[in-house]
Amino acid sequence: MFDSKHLIERLRMALICMIAFGSGKVVASPNTESTTFSVQAQVVASCSISVTNLVFPNYTFEETNGESTGAVRCTTGTNWSIGLNAGVGVGATVQNRKMTGPGGTTLDYNLYVDDDRTVYWGNTPGVDTKNGIAVNSQWEDFIIYGKISEQQSQDPVIGHYTDTITATVTFN
């Protein structure tokens, strides 16, 4: 026979055990094992360039100016230099470019880094190019200034004149 004091004590102990051991259910702890691994990437110097076509107004034997816009985007911290070649006109140089027209006639013109049109834009990095350093990996705009002078090496005939310039970004 149990007295009430003894019965209460046994119930209290049973309740403590149920709470401590999850109502009598035995839960096995899972087995685990861990490892670590490395995550790596390398950011390298990289650039992209874009330039719009330069279309001069109609030429009538007077100095004629035109502009083209461009943009360069490089990895932050990248030194860049934008060069323009002489074009495809026969006998062209970076200081005397030539558009070709009807019958092989030419129309002389030049491209410049500055809006005063005094500094020729060539393709020798550090000499006659536009230079910069990327500060935030955003597109940076630039302008190419063009001029057809009134002094021509030959009389151009009526017609359409074209040239193709290659813009190159050199970077490190």
C-alpha atoms as a PDB file:
ATOM      1  CA  MET A   1       0.000   0.000   0.000  1.00  0.00           C
ATOM      2  CA  PHE A   2       1.052   3.409  -0.836  1.00  0.00           C
ATOM      3  CA  ASP A   3       0.454   6.379   1.199  1.00  0.00           C
ATOM      4  CA  SER A   4      -0.516   9.581  -0.537  1.00  0.00           C
ATOM      5  CA  LYS A   5       2.805  11.231   0.179  1.00  0.00           C
ATOM      6  CA  HIS A   6       4.646   8.372  -1.455  1.00  0.00           C
ATOM      7  CA  LEU A   7       2.250   8.354  -4.435  1.00  0.00           C
ATOM      8  CA  ILE A   8       2.670  12.061  -5.016  1.00  0.00           C
ATOM      9  CA  GLU A   9       6.431  11.706  -4.955  1.00  0.00           C
ATOM     10  CA  ARG A  10       6.329   8.876  -7.548  1.00  0.00           C
ATOM     11  CA  LEU A  11       4.033  10.901  -9.830  1.00  0.00           C
ATOM     12  CA  ARG A  12       6.316  13.905  -9.516  1.00  0.00           C
ATOM     13  CA  MET A  13       9.320  11.768 -10.492  1.00  0.00           C
ATOM     14  CA  ALA A  14       7.416  10.265 -13.438  1.00  0.00           C
ATOM     15  CA  LEU A  15       6.475  13.749 -14.630  1.00  0.00           C
ATOM     16  CA  ILE A  16      10.097  14.928 -14.418  1.00  0.00           C
ATOM     17  CA  CYS A  17      11.221  11.883 -16.399  1.00  0.00           C
ATOM     18  CA  MET A  18       8.554  12.461 -19.061  1.00  0.00           C
ATOM     19  CA  ILE A  19       9.620  16.065 -19.476  1.00  0.00           C
ATOM     20  CA  ALA A  20      13.317  15.232 -19.474  1.00  0.00           C
ATOM     21  CA  PHE A  21      13.043  12.299 -21.866  1.00  0.00           C
ATOM     22  CA  GLY A  22      10.258  13.481 -24.164  1.00  0.00           C
ATOM     23  CA  SER A  23       7.360  11.541 -22.870  1.00  0.00           C
ATOM     24  CA  GLY A  24       9.295   8.353 -22.704  1.00  0.00           C
ATOM     25  CA  LYS A  25      10.408   8.380 -26.343  1.00  0.00           C
ATOM     26  CA  VAL A  26      14.107   7.909 -26.902  1.00  0.00           C
ATOM     27  CA  VAL A  27      15.431  10.141 -29.743  1.00  0.00           C
ATOM     28  CA  ALA A  28      18.772   9.193 -31.255  1.00  0.00           C
ATOM     29  CA  SER A  29      21.030  12.095 -32.121  1.00  0.00           C
ATOM     30  CA  PRO A  30      22.071  12.147 -35.828  1.00  0.00           C
ATOM     31  CA  ASN A  31      25.629  11.432 -36.867  1.00  0.00           C
ATOM     32  CA  THR A  32      27.277  14.322 -38.763  1.00  0.00           C
ATOM     33  CA  GLU A  33      30.567  15.126 -40.383  1.00  0.00           C
ATOM     34  CA  SER A  34      31.688  18.483 -41.819  1.00  0.00           C
ATOM     35  CA  THR A  35      34.298  19.796 -44.205  1.00  0.00           C
ATOM     36  CA  THR A  36      35.239  23.203 -45.559  1.00  0.00           C
ATOM     37  CA  PHE A  37      35.927  24.392 -49.068  1.00  0.00           C
ATOM     38  CA  SER A  38      37.385  27.494 -50.641  1.00  0.00           C
ATOM     39  CA  VAL A  39      35.547  29.938 -52.917  1.00  0.00           C
ATOM     40  CA  GLN A  40      37.762  31.902 -55.295  1.00  0.00           C
ATOM     41  CA  ALA A  41      37.528  34.334 -58.199  1.00  0.00           C
ATOM     42  CA  GLN A  42      39.977  36.579 -59.961  1.00  0.00           C
ATOM     43  CA  VAL A  43      38.989  39.953 -61.355  1.00  0.00           C
ATOM     44  CA  VAL A  44      41.081  40.815 -64.402  1.00  0.00           C
ATOM     45  CA  ALA A  45      41.501  43.970 -66.435  1.00  0.00           C
ATOM     46  CA  SER A  46      38.818  44.107 -69.089  1.00  0.00           C
ATOM     47  CA  CYS A  47      37.359  46.812 -71.338  1.00  0.00           C
ATOM     48  CA  SER A  48      34.573  47.334 -73.870  1.00  0.00           C
ATOM     49  CA  ILE A  49      34.266  50.184 -76.353  1.00  0.00           C
ATOM     50  CA  SER A  50      31.442  51.600 -78.443  1.00  0.00           C
ATOM     51  CA  VAL A  51      31.500  54.455 -80.998  1.00  0.00           C
ATOM     52  CA  THR A  52      28.761  56.034 -83.128  1.00  0.00           C
ATOM     53  CA  ASN A  53      29.228  56.908 -86.801  1.00  0.00           C
ATOM     54  CA  LEU A  54      30.531  60.367 -87.619  1.00  0.00           C
ATOM     55  CA  VAL A  55      28.388  61.996 -90.313  1.00  0.00           C
ATOM     56  CA  PHE A  56      29.623  65.400 -91.456  1.00  0.00           C
ATOM     57  CA  PRO A  57      27.174  68.025 -92.697  1.00  0.00           C
ATOM     58  CA  ASN A  58      27.277  68.705 -96.445  1.00  0.00           C
ATOM     59  CA  TYR A  59      30.703  69.931 -97.568  1.00  0.00           C
ATOM     60  CA  THR A  60      30.758  73.039 -99.784  1.00  0.00           C
ATOM     61  CA  PHE A  61      34.478  73.968 -99.927  1.00  0.00           C
ATOM     62  CA  GLU A  62      34.405  75.516 -96.463  1.00  0.00           C
ATOM     63  CA  GLU A  63      35.682  74.083 -93.207  1.00  0.00           C
ATOM     64  CA  THR A  64      33.115  71.583 -91.961  1.00  0.00           C
ATOM     65  CA  ASN A  65      33.029  70.130 -88.452  1.00  0.00           C
ATOM     66  CA  GLY A  66      31.372  66.994 -87.113  1.00  0.00           C
ATOM     67  CA  GLU A  67      31.414  64.843 -83.992  1.00  0.00           C
ATOM     68  CA  SER A  68      31.061  61.236 -82.990  1.00  0.00           C
ATOM     69  CA  THR A  69      30.350  59.967 -79.510  1.00  0.00           C
ATOM     70  CA  GLY A  70      31.779  56.928 -77.842  1.00  0.00           C
ATOM     71  CA  ALA A  71      31.956  55.180 -74.521  1.00  0.00           C
ATOM     72  CA  VAL A  72      34.467  52.932 -72.815  1.00  0.00           C
ATOM     73  CA  ARG A  73      33.844  50.658 -69.843  1.00  0.00           C
ATOM     74  CA  CYS A  74      36.678  48.992 -67.960  1.00  0.00           C
ATOM     75  CA  THR A  75      37.203  47.077 -64.740  1.00  0.00           C
ATOM     76  CA  THR A  76      37.832  49.457 -61.834  1.00  0.00           C
ATOM     77  CA  GLY A  77      41.505  50.412 -61.641  1.00  0.00           C
ATOM     78  CA  THR A  78      42.229  49.553 -65.272  1.00  0.00           C
ATOM     79  CA  ASN A  79      44.407  51.971 -67.249  1.00  0.00           C
ATOM     80  CA  TRP A  80      42.977  52.431 -70.739  1.00  0.00           C
ATOM     81  CA  SER A  81      43.985  54.157 -73.948  1.00  0.00           C
ATOM     82  CA  ILE A  82      41.713  54.662 -76.968  1.00  0.00           C
ATOM     83  CA  GLY A  83      43.374  54.859 -80.358  1.00  0.00           C
ATOM     84  CA  LEU A  84      41.984  55.548 -83.832  1.00  0.00           C
ATOM     85  CA  ASN A  85      43.747  54.160 -86.889  1.00  0.00           C
ATOM     86  CA  ALA A  86      44.351  56.118 -90.109  1.00  0.00           C
ATOM     87  CA  GLY A  87      41.356  54.563 -91.853  1.00  0.00           C
ATOM     88  CA  VAL A  88      41.205  52.677 -95.133  1.00  0.00           C
ATOM     89  CA  GLY A  89      41.637  55.608 -97.569  1.00  0.00           C
ATOM     90  CA  VAL A  90      44.621  55.213 -99.908  1.00  0.00           C
ATOM     91  CA  GLY A  91      47.555  57.213 -98.550  1.00  0.00           C
ATOM     92  CA  ALA A  92      45.798  58.139 -95.304  1.00  0.00           C
ATOM     93  CA  THR A  93      47.712  58.891 -92.096  1.00  0.00           C
ATOM     94  CA  VAL A  94      46.440  59.803 -88.643  1.00  0.00           C
ATOM     95  CA  GLN A  95      47.271  63.429 -89.503  1.00  0.00           C
ATOM     96  CA  ASN A  96      45.588  63.334 -92.915  1.00  0.00           C
ATOM     97  CA  ARG A  97      42.748  60.852 -93.237  1.00  0.00           C
ATOM     98  CA  LYS A  98      40.971  60.352 -96.555  1.00  0.00           C
ATOM     99  CA  MET A  99      37.385  59.489 -97.397  1.00  0.00           C
ATOM    100  CA  THR A 100      37.004  57.843-100.785  1.00  0.00           C
ATOM    101  CA  GLY A 101      34.285  58.902-103.207  1.00  0.00           C
ATOM    102  CA  PRO A 102      33.236  58.568-106.852  1.00  0.00           C
ATOM    103  CA  GLY A 103      35.963  57.372-109.208  1.00  0.00           C
ATOM    104  CA  GLY A 104      38.463  57.037-106.334  1.00  0.00           C
ATOM    105  CA  THR A 105      38.513  60.763-105.583  1.00  0.00           C
ATOM    106  CA  THR A 106      39.236  61.639-101.969  1.00  0.00           C
ATOM    107  CA  LEU A 107      38.061  64.109 -99.391  1.00  0.00           C
ATOM    108  CA  ASP A 108      40.684  64.908 -96.733  1.00  0.00           C
ATOM    109  CA  TYR A 109      39.641  65.144 -93.097  1.00  0.00           C
ATOM    110  CA  ASN A 110      41.058  64.769 -89.590  1.00  0.00           C
ATOM    111  CA  LEU A 111      39.975  63.472 -86.203  1.00  0.00           C
ATOM    112  CA  TYR A 112      40.890  65.191 -82.959  1.00  0.00           C
ATOM    113  CA  VAL A 113      40.949  64.514 -79.220  1.00  0.00           C
ATOM    114  CA  ASP A 114      40.056  68.118 -78.304  1.00  0.00           C
ATOM    115  CA  ASP A 115      37.115  70.345 -79.249  1.00  0.00           C
ATOM    116  CA  ASP A 116      39.538  73.038 -80.513  1.00  0.00           C
ATOM    117  CA  ARG A 117      40.565  70.485 -83.136  1.00  0.00           C
ATOM    118  CA  THR A 118      44.293  70.979 -82.584  1.00  0.00           C
ATOM    119  CA  VAL A 119      45.417  67.571 -81.198  1.00  0.00           C
ATOM    120  CA  TYR A 120      45.243  64.769 -83.783  1.00  0.00           C
ATOM    121  CA  TRP A 121      43.733  61.499 -82.573  1.00  0.00           C
ATOM    122  CA  GLY A 122      46.011  58.642 -83.542  1.00  0.00           C
ATOM    123  CA  ASN A 123      46.730  55.126 -82.387  1.00  0.00           C
ATOM    124  CA  THR A 124      50.025  55.226 -80.461  1.00  0.00           C
ATOM    125  CA  PRO A 125      49.195  54.747 -76.744  1.00  0.00           C
ATOM    126  CA  GLY A 126      50.538  57.567 -74.605  1.00  0.00           C
ATOM    127  CA  VAL A 127      51.369  59.709 -77.665  1.00  0.00           C
ATOM    128  CA  ASP A 128      48.228  60.609 -79.621  1.00  0.00           C
ATOM    129  CA  THR A 129      45.433  58.683 -77.904  1.00  0.00           C
ATOM    130  CA  LYS A 130      42.793  59.413 -75.281  1.00  0.00           C
ATOM    131  CA  ASN A 131      43.842  57.942 -71.941  1.00  0.00           C
ATOM    132  CA  GLY A 132      42.203  57.299 -68.605  1.00  0.00           C
ATOM    133  CA  ILE A 133      41.758  55.030 -65.637  1.00  0.00           C
ATOM    134  CA  ALA A 134      38.491  53.336 -64.743  1.00  0.00           C
ATOM    135  CA  VAL A 135      37.286  54.462 -61.352  1.00  0.00           C
ATOM    136  CA  ASN A 136      33.968  52.646 -60.994  1.00  0.00           C
ATOM    137  CA  SER A 137      33.483  50.143 -63.854  1.00  0.00           C
ATOM    138  CA  GLN A 138      30.837  52.428 -65.408  1.00  0.00           C
ATOM    139  CA  TRP A 139      30.626  53.583 -69.026  1.00  0.00           C
ATOM    140  CA  GLU A 140      32.735  56.718 -69.579  1.00  0.00           C
ATOM    141  CA  ASP A 141      31.700  58.908 -72.498  1.00  0.00           C
ATOM    142  CA  PHE A 142      34.073  60.599 -74.924  1.00  0.00           C
ATOM    143  CA  ILE A 143      33.755  62.676 -78.091  1.00  0.00           C
ATOM    144  CA  ILE A 144      35.688  62.340 -81.339  1.00  0.00           C
ATOM    145  CA  TYR A 145      35.947  65.718 -83.067  1.00  0.00           C
ATOM    146  CA  GLY A 146      36.169  65.754 -86.858  1.00  0.00           C
ATOM    147  CA  LYS A 147      37.047  68.438 -89.369  1.00  0.00           C
ATOM    148  CA  ILE A 148      37.085  68.645 -93.156  1.00  0.00           C
ATOM    149  CA  SER A 149      39.307  71.570 -94.031  1.00  0.00           C
ATOM    150  CA  GLU A 150      38.667  73.872 -96.964  1.00  0.00           C
ATOM    151  CA  GLN A 151      42.157  73.017 -98.300  1.00  0.00           C
ATOM    152  CA  GLN A 152      41.952  69.687-100.136  1.00  0.00           C
ATOM    153  CA  SER A 153      44.712  67.685-101.828  1.00  0.00           C
ATOM    154  CA  GLN A 154      42.409  67.315-104.873  1.00  0.00           C
ATOM    155  CA  ASP A 155      39.102  68.761-106.007  1.00  0.00           C
ATOM    156  CA  PRO A 156      36.392  66.406-104.768  1.00  0.00           C
ATOM    157  CA  VAL A 157      33.577  65.642-107.175  1.00  0.00           C
ATOM    158  CA  ILE A 158      29.905  65.547-106.256  1.00  0.00           C
ATOM    159  CA  GLY A 159      29.006  62.308-104.500  1.00  0.00           C
ATOM    160  CA  HIS A 160      29.116  60.261-101.327  1.00  0.00           C
ATOM    161  CA  TYR A 161      32.472  59.840 -99.539  1.00  0.00           C
ATOM    162  CA  THR A 162      33.251  57.238 -96.882  1.00  0.00           C
ATOM    163  CA  ASP A 163      36.032  55.897 -94.729  1.00  0.00           C
ATOM    164  CA  THR A 164      36.197  53.245 -92.035  1.00  0.00           C
ATOM    165  CA  ILE A 165      38.062  53.934 -88.800  1.00  0.00           C
ATOM    166  CA  THR A 166      38.978  51.283 -86.259  1.00  0.00           C
ATOM    167  CA  ALA A 167      38.757  52.404 -82.631  1.00  0.00           C
ATOM    168  CA  THR A 168      40.865  50.258 -80.307  1.00  0.00           C
ATOM    169  CA  VAL A 169      41.001  50.306 -76.521  1.00  0.00           C
ATOM    170  CA  THR A 170      44.320  49.138 -75.079  1.00  0.00           C
ATOM    171  CA  PHE A 171      44.264  48.346 -71.358  1.00  0.00           C
ATOM    172  CA  ASN A 172      46.213  46.881 -68.474  1.00  0.00           C
END
